[in-house]
Amino acid sequence: MSAAEHLALADRFIAALEAGDAEAVRAIYAPDAKLWHNNDQVEQTPDQNLKVFAWLVRALPQRRYRIVRREALPDGFMQQHVLEGVLADGSPFAMPACVVVQIRNGRIVRLDEYLDPAGAAPLQAQGRRSPA
């Protein structure tokens, strides 16, 4: 894939996340993708990640990713962003993060996300109050 194709996939991925479209996210992940987060050091499968995504949609019903920087890589892309939104209780939320994504055959095969767990605390607290 070309750099332009990697960046186009990044656009589709972020649009699906913002829309809360789990099936579109699933279609972008390779079936055997590995999704890792620095805060817990655990690799997730797409199914495990989509359960977390469903929680995120409940906890942060209004959300957008403000892209700070995005660079195509030979095998994917790197993106620095701020997840912004309004929590279910009406409070504003913003959390900086960075992802390094590997793409193969037009799908994400690995995503490594780096964030400050302290920045996620308001989101986690709200998520615990959200109905399952």
N, C-alpha and C. Protein backbone atom coordinates (compact mmCIF):
# COMPACT_ATOMS: atom_id res chain seq x y z
N MET A 1 0.84 -1.19 0.00
CA MET A 1 0.00 0.00 0.00
C MET A 1 0.88 1.24 0.00
N SER A 2 0.37 2.27 -0.59
CA SER A 2 1.10 3.54 -0.63
C SER A 2 0.86 4.34 0.64
N ALA A 3 1.65 5.39 0.82
CA ALA A 3 1.47 6.29 1.96
C ALA A 3 0.06 6.89 1.93
N ALA A 4 -0.40 7.27 0.76
CA ALA A 4 -1.74 7.85 0.64
C ALA A 4 -2.82 6.84 1.05
N GLU A 5 -2.63 5.58 0.71
CA GLU A 5 -3.60 4.55 1.10
C GLU A 5 -3.58 4.32 2.62
N HIS A 6 -2.38 4.36 3.21
CA HIS A 6 -2.29 4.23 4.67
C HIS A 6 -3.05 5.36 5.35
N LEU A 7 -2.88 6.58 4.86
CA LEU A 7 -3.55 7.74 5.46
C LEU A 7 -5.05 7.71 5.22
N ALA A 8 -5.47 7.19 4.07
CA ALA A 8 -6.90 7.06 3.80
C ALA A 8 -7.54 6.04 4.75
N LEU A 9 -6.82 4.96 5.03
CA LEU A 9 -7.32 3.99 6.00
C LEU A 9 -7.40 4.63 7.38
N ALA A 10 -6.42 5.44 7.74
CA ALA A 10 -6.46 6.16 9.02
C ALA A 10 -7.70 7.04 9.10
N ASP A 11 -8.03 7.73 8.02
CA ASP A 11 -9.24 8.57 7.99
C ASP A 11 -10.49 7.73 8.22
N ARG A 12 -10.60 6.58 7.53
CA ARG A 12 -11.76 5.70 7.68
C ARG A 12 -11.87 5.16 9.12
N PHE A 13 -10.72 4.82 9.68
CA PHE A 13 -10.68 4.28 11.03
C PHE A 13 -11.18 5.32 12.04
N ILE A 14 -10.65 6.53 11.96
CA ILE A 14 -11.06 7.58 12.89
C ILE A 14 -12.54 7.92 12.70
N ALA A 15 -13.01 7.96 11.47
CA ALA A 15 -14.43 8.25 11.21
C ALA A 15 -15.31 7.18 11.85
N ALA A 16 -14.91 5.92 11.76
CA ALA A 16 -15.68 4.83 12.37
C ALA A 16 -15.69 4.96 13.89
N LEU A 17 -14.54 5.29 14.48
CA LEU A 17 -14.47 5.48 15.93
C LEU A 17 -15.37 6.63 16.37
N GLU A 18 -15.30 7.74 15.67
CA GLU A 18 -16.12 8.90 16.02
C GLU A 18 -17.61 8.59 15.89
N ALA A 19 -17.98 7.80 14.90
CA ALA A 19 -19.38 7.46 14.67
C ALA A 19 -19.89 6.39 15.62
N GLY A 20 -18.97 5.74 16.34
CA GLY A 20 -19.37 4.64 17.22
C GLY A 20 -19.75 3.39 16.44
N ASP A 21 -19.22 3.25 15.24
CA ASP A 21 -19.58 2.16 14.32
C ASP A 21 -18.66 0.96 14.53
N ALA A 22 -19.05 0.08 15.44
CA ALA A 22 -18.22 -1.07 15.78
C ALA A 22 -17.99 -2.00 14.60
N GLU A 23 -18.99 -2.17 13.75
CA GLU A 23 -18.82 -3.08 12.61
C GLU A 23 -17.84 -2.51 11.58
N ALA A 24 -17.83 -1.19 11.41
CA ALA A 24 -16.84 -0.58 10.52
C ALA A 24 -15.44 -0.72 11.10
N VAL A 25 -15.32 -0.57 12.42
CA VAL A 25 -14.02 -0.76 13.07
C VAL A 25 -13.57 -2.19 12.88
N ARG A 26 -14.48 -3.15 13.13
CA ARG A 26 -14.16 -4.57 12.96
C ARG A 26 -13.67 -4.86 11.53
N ALA A 27 -14.29 -4.24 10.56
CA ALA A 27 -13.91 -4.48 9.16
C ALA A 27 -12.52 -3.93 8.85
N ILE A 28 -12.07 -2.95 9.61
CA ILE A 28 -10.74 -2.37 9.39
C ILE A 28 -9.66 -3.22 10.07
N TYR A 29 -10.02 -3.89 11.16
CA TYR A 29 -9.07 -4.78 11.84
C TYR A 29 -8.93 -6.09 11.07
N ALA A 30 -7.71 -6.59 10.95
CA ALA A 30 -7.50 -7.95 10.47
C ALA A 30 -8.05 -8.89 11.55
N PRO A 31 -8.56 -10.06 11.19
CA PRO A 31 -9.13 -10.96 12.19
C PRO A 31 -8.14 -11.33 13.31
N ASP A 32 -6.86 -11.37 12.99
CA ASP A 32 -5.84 -11.74 13.98
C ASP A 32 -5.06 -10.53 14.49
N ALA A 33 -5.62 -9.35 14.36
CA ALA A 33 -4.95 -8.12 14.80
C ALA A 33 -4.64 -8.18 16.30
N LYS A 34 -3.60 -7.48 16.68
CA LYS A 34 -3.21 -7.32 18.08
C LYS A 34 -3.28 -5.84 18.41
N LEU A 35 -3.98 -5.51 19.51
CA LEU A 35 -4.19 -4.13 19.92
C LEU A 35 -3.66 -4.00 21.34
N TRP A 36 -2.65 -3.16 21.50
CA TRP A 36 -1.92 -3.06 22.77
C TRP A 36 -2.01 -1.64 23.30
N HIS A 37 -2.07 -1.52 24.63
CA HIS A 37 -2.11 -0.22 25.29
C HIS A 37 -1.04 -0.18 26.36
N ASN A 38 -0.32 0.92 26.44
CA ASN A 38 0.77 1.02 27.41
C ASN A 38 0.30 0.98 28.85
N ASN A 39 -0.95 1.36 29.12
CA ASN A 39 -1.41 1.43 30.50
C ASN A 39 -1.60 0.06 31.15
N ASP A 40 -1.85 -0.98 30.36
CA ASP A 40 -2.01 -2.31 30.96
C ASP A 40 -1.06 -3.36 30.37
N GLN A 41 -0.36 -3.01 29.30
CA GLN A 41 0.64 -3.90 28.68
C GLN A 41 0.03 -5.20 28.17
N VAL A 42 -1.26 -5.19 27.85
CA VAL A 42 -1.95 -6.40 27.41
C VAL A 42 -2.30 -6.26 25.93
N GLU A 43 -2.06 -7.33 25.17
CA GLU A 43 -2.50 -7.37 23.78
C GLU A 43 -3.94 -7.87 23.73
N GLN A 44 -4.77 -7.12 23.05
CA GLN A 44 -6.17 -7.51 22.88
C GLN A 44 -6.40 -8.05 21.49
N THR A 45 -7.40 -8.90 21.37
CA THR A 45 -7.91 -9.33 20.08
C THR A 45 -8.91 -8.27 19.61
N PRO A 46 -9.31 -8.31 18.34
CA PRO A 46 -10.35 -7.38 17.91
C PRO A 46 -11.63 -7.49 18.74
N ASP A 47 -12.07 -8.71 19.07
CA ASP A 47 -13.29 -8.86 19.86
C ASP A 47 -13.14 -8.21 21.23
N GLN A 48 -12.01 -8.42 21.89
CA GLN A 48 -11.78 -7.80 23.19
C GLN A 48 -11.75 -6.28 23.07
N ASN A 49 -11.10 -5.79 22.03
CA ASN A 49 -11.00 -4.35 21.83
C ASN A 49 -12.37 -3.74 21.56
N LEU A 50 -13.21 -4.44 20.82
CA LEU A 50 -14.53 -3.90 20.51
C LEU A 50 -15.43 -3.87 21.73
N LYS A 51 -15.19 -4.73 22.72
CA LYS A 51 -15.93 -4.63 23.99
C LYS A 51 -15.54 -3.34 24.71
N VAL A 52 -14.26 -3.03 24.70
CA VAL A 52 -13.80 -1.77 25.30
C VAL A 52 -14.37 -0.59 24.52
N PHE A 53 -14.42 -0.72 23.21
CA PHE A 53 -14.98 0.35 22.37
C PHE A 53 -16.45 0.59 22.72
N ALA A 54 -17.22 -0.46 22.93
CA ALA A 54 -18.63 -0.31 23.31
C ALA A 54 -18.74 0.45 24.63
N TRP A 55 -17.85 0.14 25.56
CA TRP A 55 -17.81 0.87 26.83
C TRP A 55 -17.50 2.35 26.58
N LEU A 56 -16.51 2.62 25.71
CA LEU A 56 -16.13 4.00 25.41
C LEU A 56 -17.31 4.78 24.83
N VAL A 57 -18.05 4.16 23.94
CA VAL A 57 -19.20 4.83 23.33
C VAL A 57 -20.24 5.19 24.39
N ARG A 58 -20.44 4.30 25.38
CA ARG A 58 -21.38 4.61 26.47
C ARG A 58 -20.84 5.72 27.37
N ALA A 59 -19.55 5.63 27.70
CA ALA A 59 -18.95 6.59 28.64
C ALA A 59 -18.72 7.96 28.02
N LEU A 60 -18.48 7.99 26.71
CA LEU A 60 -18.18 9.25 26.01
C LEU A 60 -19.05 9.31 24.74
N PRO A 61 -20.36 9.53 24.94
CA PRO A 61 -21.28 9.45 23.80
C PRO A 61 -21.02 10.49 22.71
N GLN A 62 -20.46 11.62 23.08
CA GLN A 62 -20.06 12.62 22.09
C GLN A 62 -18.54 12.66 22.10
N ARG A 63 -17.92 12.30 20.96
CA ARG A 63 -16.46 12.24 20.93
C ARG A 63 -15.96 12.59 19.53
N ARG A 64 -14.73 13.12 19.54
CA ARG A 64 -14.03 13.36 18.28
C ARG A 64 -12.54 13.23 18.55
N TYR A 65 -11.81 12.93 17.51
CA TYR A 65 -10.36 12.82 17.60
C TYR A 65 -9.77 14.04 16.89
N ARG A 66 -9.18 14.93 17.68
CA ARG A 66 -8.50 16.08 17.09
C ARG A 66 -7.09 15.64 16.76
N ILE A 67 -6.81 15.57 15.47
CA ILE A 67 -5.51 15.09 15.00
C ILE A 67 -4.48 16.20 15.19
N VAL A 68 -3.44 15.89 15.94
CA VAL A 68 -2.35 16.82 16.16
C VAL A 68 -1.28 16.60 15.09
N ARG A 69 -1.01 15.34 14.83
CA ARG A 69 0.02 14.98 13.84
C ARG A 69 -0.28 13.57 13.35
N ARG A 70 -0.09 13.38 12.06
CA ARG A 70 -0.23 12.05 11.46
C ARG A 70 0.83 11.89 10.40
N GLU A 71 1.54 10.79 10.44
CA GLU A 71 2.60 10.52 9.48
C GLU A 71 2.43 9.12 8.92
N ALA A 72 2.54 9.00 7.63
CA ALA A 72 2.55 7.67 7.01
C ALA A 72 3.89 7.01 7.33
N LEU A 73 3.83 5.72 7.60
CA LEU A 73 5.02 4.90 7.80
C LEU A 73 5.08 3.87 6.67
N PRO A 74 6.23 3.27 6.44
CA PRO A 74 6.30 2.28 5.36
C PRO A 74 5.27 1.15 5.50
N ASP A 75 4.92 0.81 6.76
CA ASP A 75 3.97 -0.28 6.98
C ASP A 75 2.69 0.16 7.69
N GLY A 76 2.41 1.47 7.71
CA GLY A 76 1.21 1.93 8.39
C GLY A 76 1.20 3.43 8.61
N PHE A 77 0.91 3.84 9.85
CA PHE A 77 0.91 5.26 10.18
C PHE A 77 1.10 5.45 11.67
N MET A 78 1.51 6.66 12.03
CA MET A 78 1.63 7.11 13.41
C MET A 78 0.71 8.31 13.53
N GLN A 79 -0.02 8.36 14.63
CA GLN A 79 -0.93 9.48 14.83
C GLN A 79 -0.87 9.94 16.27
N GLN A 80 -0.70 11.24 16.44
CA GLN A 80 -0.83 11.88 17.73
C GLN A 80 -2.17 12.62 17.69
N HIS A 81 -2.99 12.41 18.72
CA HIS A 81 -4.31 13.03 18.72
C HIS A 81 -4.75 13.36 20.14
N VAL A 82 -5.85 14.09 20.22
CA VAL A 82 -6.51 14.34 21.49
C VAL A 82 -7.94 13.83 21.33
N LEU A 83 -8.29 12.86 22.15
CA LEU A 83 -9.67 12.39 22.19
C LEU A 83 -10.45 13.40 23.01
N GLU A 84 -11.40 14.05 22.37
CA GLU A 84 -12.20 15.08 23.01
C GLU A 84 -13.67 14.69 22.98
N GLY A 85 -14.40 15.16 23.95
CA GLY A 85 -15.82 14.88 23.94
C GLY A 85 -16.52 15.37 25.17
N VAL A 86 -17.73 14.89 25.31
CA VAL A 86 -18.57 15.22 26.44
C VAL A 86 -18.96 13.91 27.09
N LEU A 87 -18.65 13.79 28.37
CA LEU A 87 -19.00 12.59 29.12
C LEU A 87 -20.51 12.47 29.26
N ALA A 88 -20.98 11.29 29.59
CA ALA A 88 -22.42 11.06 29.73
C ALA A 88 -23.04 11.99 30.77
N ASP A 89 -22.25 12.47 31.75
CA ASP A 89 -22.79 13.39 32.76
C ASP A 89 -22.71 14.85 32.32
N GLY A 90 -22.25 15.11 31.09
CA GLY A 90 -22.17 16.47 30.56
C GLY A 90 -20.83 17.15 30.73
N SER A 91 -19.90 16.52 31.43
CA SER A 91 -18.57 17.11 31.65
C SER A 91 -17.71 17.02 30.39
N PRO A 92 -16.92 18.06 30.12
CA PRO A 92 -16.00 17.98 28.98
C PRO A 92 -14.85 17.01 29.30
N PHE A 93 -14.31 16.43 28.25
CA PHE A 93 -13.22 15.46 28.41
C PHE A 93 -12.21 15.68 27.29
N ALA A 94 -10.92 15.56 27.62
CA ALA A 94 -9.85 15.62 26.62
C ALA A 94 -8.69 14.77 27.12
N MET A 95 -8.17 13.90 26.24
CA MET A 95 -7.06 13.04 26.61
C MET A 95 -6.11 12.88 25.42
N PRO A 96 -4.87 13.35 25.55
CA PRO A 96 -3.89 13.15 24.48
C PRO A 96 -3.47 11.69 24.41
N ALA A 97 -3.17 11.25 23.20
CA ALA A 97 -2.70 9.88 22.99
C ALA A 97 -1.92 9.82 21.69
N CYS A 98 -1.24 8.71 21.52
CA CYS A 98 -0.49 8.46 20.29
C CYS A 98 -0.68 7.00 19.92
N VAL A 99 -0.87 6.73 18.65
CA VAL A 99 -0.97 5.35 18.17
C VAL A 99 0.05 5.12 17.07
N VAL A 100 0.60 3.93 17.08
CA VAL A 100 1.47 3.46 16.00
C VAL A 100 0.76 2.24 15.42
N VAL A 101 0.45 2.31 14.14
CA VAL A 101 -0.41 1.31 13.50
C VAL A 101 0.32 0.64 12.35
N GLN A 102 0.24 -0.68 12.33
CA GLN A 102 0.79 -1.47 11.21
C GLN A 102 -0.38 -1.97 10.37
N ILE A 103 -0.22 -1.87 9.07
CA ILE A 103 -1.25 -2.28 8.11
C ILE A 103 -0.69 -3.35 7.19
N ARG A 104 -1.49 -4.36 6.93
CA ARG A 104 -1.13 -5.38 5.94
C ARG A 104 -2.40 -5.75 5.17
N ASN A 105 -2.30 -5.80 3.86
CA ASN A 105 -3.44 -6.15 3.01
C ASN A 105 -4.65 -5.26 3.27
N GLY A 106 -4.39 -3.98 3.53
CA GLY A 106 -5.47 -3.02 3.68
C GLY A 106 -6.19 -3.05 5.01
N ARG A 107 -5.63 -3.76 6.00
CA ARG A 107 -6.28 -3.85 7.31
C ARG A 107 -5.26 -3.65 8.42
N ILE A 108 -5.72 -3.19 9.55
CA ILE A 108 -4.83 -3.01 10.71
C ILE A 108 -4.50 -4.38 11.29
N VAL A 109 -3.20 -4.65 11.39
CA VAL A 109 -2.75 -5.91 12.00
C VAL A 109 -2.18 -5.69 13.39
N ARG A 110 -1.77 -4.47 13.69
CA ARG A 110 -1.26 -4.15 15.02
C ARG A 110 -1.49 -2.66 15.28
N LEU A 111 -1.92 -2.37 16.51
CA LEU A 111 -2.10 -0.99 16.95
C LEU A 111 -1.53 -0.91 18.36
N ASP A 112 -0.55 -0.04 18.54
CA ASP A 112 0.03 0.23 19.85
C ASP A 112 -0.39 1.63 20.25
N GLU A 113 -1.10 1.74 21.39
CA GLU A 113 -1.61 3.03 21.83
C GLU A 113 -0.89 3.45 23.11
N TYR A 114 -0.46 4.70 23.12
CA TYR A 114 0.24 5.27 24.26
C TYR A 114 -0.57 6.44 24.80
N LEU A 115 -0.91 6.34 26.09
CA LEU A 115 -1.66 7.42 26.73
C LEU A 115 -1.27 7.48 28.20
N ASP A 116 -1.57 8.61 28.82
CA ASP A 116 -1.33 8.78 30.24
C ASP A 116 -2.56 8.27 30.98
N PRO A 117 -2.42 7.20 31.75
CA PRO A 117 -3.59 6.66 32.44
C PRO A 117 -4.30 7.69 33.34
N ALA A 118 -3.57 8.65 33.89
CA ALA A 118 -4.20 9.68 34.71
C ALA A 118 -5.20 10.50 33.89
N GLY A 119 -4.90 10.72 32.62
CA GLY A 119 -5.81 11.46 31.76
C GLY A 119 -7.10 10.72 31.49
N ALA A 120 -7.06 9.40 31.63
CA ALA A 120 -8.25 8.58 31.38
C ALA A 120 -9.14 8.45 32.61
N ALA A 121 -8.67 8.90 33.78
CA ALA A 121 -9.42 8.70 35.03
C ALA A 121 -10.85 9.23 34.97
N PRO A 122 -11.10 10.45 34.46
CA PRO A 122 -12.50 10.92 34.40
C PRO A 122 -13.36 10.03 33.50
N LEU A 123 -12.79 9.55 32.43
CA LEU A 123 -13.51 8.67 31.51
C LEU A 123 -13.82 7.34 32.19
N GLN A 124 -12.84 6.80 32.90
CA GLN A 124 -13.04 5.53 33.59
C GLN A 124 -14.09 5.68 34.69
N ALA A 125 -14.06 6.77 35.43
CA ALA A 125 -15.06 7.00 36.47
C ALA A 125 -16.45 7.10 35.86
N GLN A 126 -16.57 7.80 34.75
CA GLN A 126 -17.86 7.95 34.09
C GLN A 126 -18.32 6.60 33.56
N GLY A 127 -17.39 5.84 32.99
CA GLY A 127 -17.74 4.53 32.44
C GLY A 127 -18.27 3.59 33.50
N ARG A 128 -17.74 3.70 34.72
CA ARG A 128 -18.24 2.84 35.81
C ARG A 128 -19.68 3.21 36.17
N ARG A 129 -20.06 4.47 35.93
CA ARG A 129 -21.42 4.91 36.24
C ARG A 129 -22.39 4.64 35.10
N SER A 130 -21.86 4.31 33.91
CA SER A 130 -22.72 4.08 32.76
C SER A 130 -23.36 2.70 32.84
N PRO A 131 -24.58 2.56 32.38
CA PRO A 131 -25.21 1.23 32.38
C PRO A 131 -24.48 0.31 31.40
N ALA A 132 -24.40 -0.93 31.73
CA ALA A 132 -23.71 -1.91 30.86
C ALA A 132 -24.57 -2.31 29.70
